[in-house]
Amino acid sequence: MKRINTDKIYRLWSLIIYTHGKSKYRKDLPFLRFRPGKDTDITYGEYYPQTNTVEIKWKPHLDFKDLSSTMLHEYAHYLQFWPWYVRYREMYKYDDNPYEVEARIMEKEAPDLIRMISPEEWSKAVKKKKKLLRIYRDINKKIIIEL
């Protein structure tokens, strides 16, 4: 991706939080850190449980749908019980790890969530769902975007 739209990122992250809630294993929502990365990076995103941070490299993504899928995938890891992730990593290959399978399933929500962040749909959603608007306003302190 050549550029990112920060407002779309905020809307999407708010929807992901609103849709999936907070982790029952963590006290706080994760930080979301966007950094450029390189076009050639093979790892697009990662969840760091030690710092409770989702890090996304935005340059290697093809488009916003691709970026959205990564955000959903990494949020799935935030929701999971991390000691089990470590255990599964030792028992399974990456593609067969039950937590990775779960994260790939969650990625499939990207097209529906992208539709909801269009200006018209977003406006309707925040009028009906006050909690969504509250999340959108509160996450400013939790998102770092490096351009």
Protein backbone atom coordinates (compact mmCIF):
# COMPACT_ATOMS: atom_id res chain seq x y z
CA MET A 1 0.00 0.00 0.00
CA LYS A 2 1.29 3.42 -0.85
CA ARG A 3 -0.81 5.36 1.69
CA ILE A 4 -3.09 4.67 4.59
CA ASN A 5 -6.26 6.48 5.60
CA THR A 6 -6.02 7.01 9.35
CA ASP A 7 -9.74 7.66 9.84
CA LYS A 8 -10.57 4.34 8.15
CA ILE A 9 -8.09 2.63 10.49
CA TYR A 10 -9.76 4.19 13.55
CA ARG A 11 -13.23 3.22 12.34
CA LEU A 12 -12.21 -0.33 11.53
CA TRP A 13 -10.37 -0.83 14.83
CA SER A 14 -13.41 0.52 16.70
CA LEU A 15 -15.67 -1.93 14.86
CA ILE A 16 -13.35 -4.85 15.58
CA ILE A 17 -13.36 -3.98 19.29
CA TYR A 18 -17.12 -3.39 19.30
CA THR A 19 -17.81 -6.67 17.48
CA HIS A 20 -15.42 -8.91 19.43
CA GLY A 21 -15.10 -7.18 22.80
CA LYS A 22 -12.16 -7.24 25.15
CA SER A 23 -10.08 -10.28 25.91
CA LYS A 24 -11.10 -12.11 29.05
CA TYR A 25 -7.39 -12.72 29.65
CA ARG A 26 -6.31 -9.06 29.52
CA LYS A 27 -7.27 -6.06 31.61
CA ASP A 28 -6.80 -3.53 28.79
CA LEU A 29 -7.39 -3.24 25.09
CA PRO A 30 -4.24 -3.71 23.01
CA PHE A 31 -2.20 -0.89 21.60
CA LEU A 32 -2.32 -0.74 17.81
CA ARG A 33 0.94 0.30 16.19
CA PHE A 34 1.18 0.90 12.45
CA ARG A 35 4.60 1.20 10.94
CA PRO A 36 5.64 1.25 7.31
CA GLY A 37 7.70 -1.93 7.13
CA LYS A 38 9.02 -2.86 3.69
CA ASP A 39 7.22 -3.95 0.53
CA THR A 40 9.17 -7.21 0.75
CA ASP A 41 8.21 -8.10 4.36
CA ILE A 42 6.67 -11.55 4.65
CA THR A 43 5.22 -10.91 8.10
CA TYR A 44 2.42 -8.35 7.84
CA GLY A 45 1.44 -8.15 11.48
CA GLU A 46 2.09 -9.58 14.89
CA TYR A 47 0.60 -9.58 18.38
CA TYR A 48 3.09 -9.04 21.22
CA PRO A 49 1.55 -10.31 24.47
CA GLN A 50 4.39 -8.90 26.62
CA THR A 51 3.41 -5.34 25.69
CA ASN A 52 -0.20 -6.09 24.68
CA THR A 53 0.47 -4.56 21.27
CA VAL A 54 -0.78 -5.38 17.80
CA GLU A 55 1.81 -4.26 15.29
CA ILE A 56 0.89 -3.91 11.63
CA LYS A 57 3.34 -3.25 8.81
CA TRP A 58 1.25 -1.39 6.27
CA LYS A 59 3.55 -1.22 3.23
CA PRO A 60 3.49 -4.92 2.27
CA HIS A 61 -0.34 -5.00 2.15
CA LEU A 62 -1.94 -4.94 -1.29
CA ASP A 63 -5.04 -2.96 -0.35
CA PHE A 64 -7.29 -1.99 2.54
CA LYS A 65 -9.08 -5.36 2.52
CA ASP A 66 -5.73 -7.09 2.95
CA LEU A 67 -4.82 -4.68 5.76
CA SER A 68 -8.21 -5.25 7.43
CA SER A 69 -7.72 -9.00 7.36
CA THR A 70 -4.39 -8.63 9.15
CA MET A 71 -5.93 -6.37 11.79
CA LEU A 72 -8.66 -8.95 12.44
CA HIS A 73 -6.14 -11.80 12.49
CA GLU A 74 -3.95 -10.11 15.08
CA TYR A 75 -6.93 -9.04 17.19
CA ALA A 76 -7.91 -12.71 17.32
CA HIS A 77 -4.52 -13.42 18.91
CA TYR A 78 -5.13 -10.68 21.48
CA LEU A 79 -8.40 -12.43 22.43
CA GLN A 80 -6.73 -15.83 22.86
CA PHE A 81 -5.18 -17.33 25.98
CA TRP A 82 -1.51 -16.81 25.20
CA PRO A 83 -0.02 -19.75 27.17
CA TRP A 84 -2.15 -22.03 24.99
CA TYR A 85 -0.86 -20.32 21.87
CA VAL A 86 2.69 -21.15 22.97
CA ARG A 87 1.65 -24.73 23.71
CA TYR A 88 -0.09 -25.10 20.33
CA ARG A 89 2.94 -23.65 18.55
CA GLU A 90 5.02 -26.50 19.97
CA MET A 91 2.42 -29.15 19.04
CA TYR A 92 1.36 -28.07 15.53
CA LYS A 93 2.74 -26.63 12.36
CA TYR A 94 1.71 -23.01 11.79
CA ASP A 95 -1.16 -23.80 9.40
CA ASP A 96 -2.58 -26.45 11.73
CA ASN A 97 -2.30 -24.47 14.98
CA PRO A 98 -5.92 -24.17 16.25
CA TYR A 99 -5.36 -20.53 17.24
CA GLU A 100 -4.05 -19.69 13.76
CA VAL A 101 -7.05 -21.46 12.22
CA GLU A 102 -9.34 -19.38 14.45
CA ALA A 103 -7.53 -16.16 13.44
CA ARG A 104 -7.83 -17.01 9.72
CA ILE A 105 -11.57 -17.55 10.16
CA MET A 106 -11.88 -14.14 11.83
CA GLU A 107 -10.05 -12.55 8.86
CA LYS A 108 -13.04 -13.38 6.67
CA GLU A 109 -15.08 -10.66 8.38
CA ALA A 110 -13.02 -7.96 6.64
CA PRO A 111 -15.38 -7.26 3.68
CA ASP A 112 -18.41 -6.80 5.95
CA LEU A 113 -16.55 -4.50 8.33
CA ILE A 114 -15.14 -2.46 5.43
CA ARG A 115 -18.68 -1.86 4.20
CA MET A 116 -19.63 -0.59 7.65
CA ILE A 117 -16.88 2.05 7.72
CA SER A 118 -18.09 3.86 4.60
CA PRO A 119 -19.17 7.40 5.59
CA GLU A 120 -22.89 6.64 5.16
CA GLU A 121 -22.86 3.33 7.02
CA TRP A 122 -20.58 4.64 9.75
CA SER A 123 -22.87 7.59 10.37
CA LYS A 124 -25.87 5.26 10.75
CA ALA A 125 -23.96 2.87 12.99
CA VAL A 126 -22.72 5.45 15.49
CA LYS A 127 -26.19 6.97 15.78
CA LYS A 128 -27.64 3.57 16.73
CA LYS A 129 -24.69 2.20 18.69
CA LYS A 130 -23.48 4.72 21.24
CA LYS A 131 -20.91 2.27 22.59
CA LEU A 132 -19.27 2.16 19.15
CA LEU A 133 -18.89 5.94 19.14
CA ARG A 134 -17.45 5.83 22.66
CA ILE A 135 -14.89 3.21 21.60
CA TYR A 136 -13.96 5.33 18.56
CA ARG A 137 -13.34 8.35 20.78
CA ASP A 138 -11.42 6.41 23.43
CA ILE A 139 -8.95 4.53 21.23
CA ASN A 140 -6.98 7.63 20.25
CA LYS A 141 -4.56 6.97 23.08
CA LYS A 142 -4.09 3.36 21.97
CA ILE A 143 -3.18 3.86 18.29
CA ILE A 144 0.24 4.88 16.96
CA ILE A 145 0.59 5.42 13.23
CA GLU A 146 4.02 5.95 11.68
CA LEU A 147 3.84 7.29 8.15
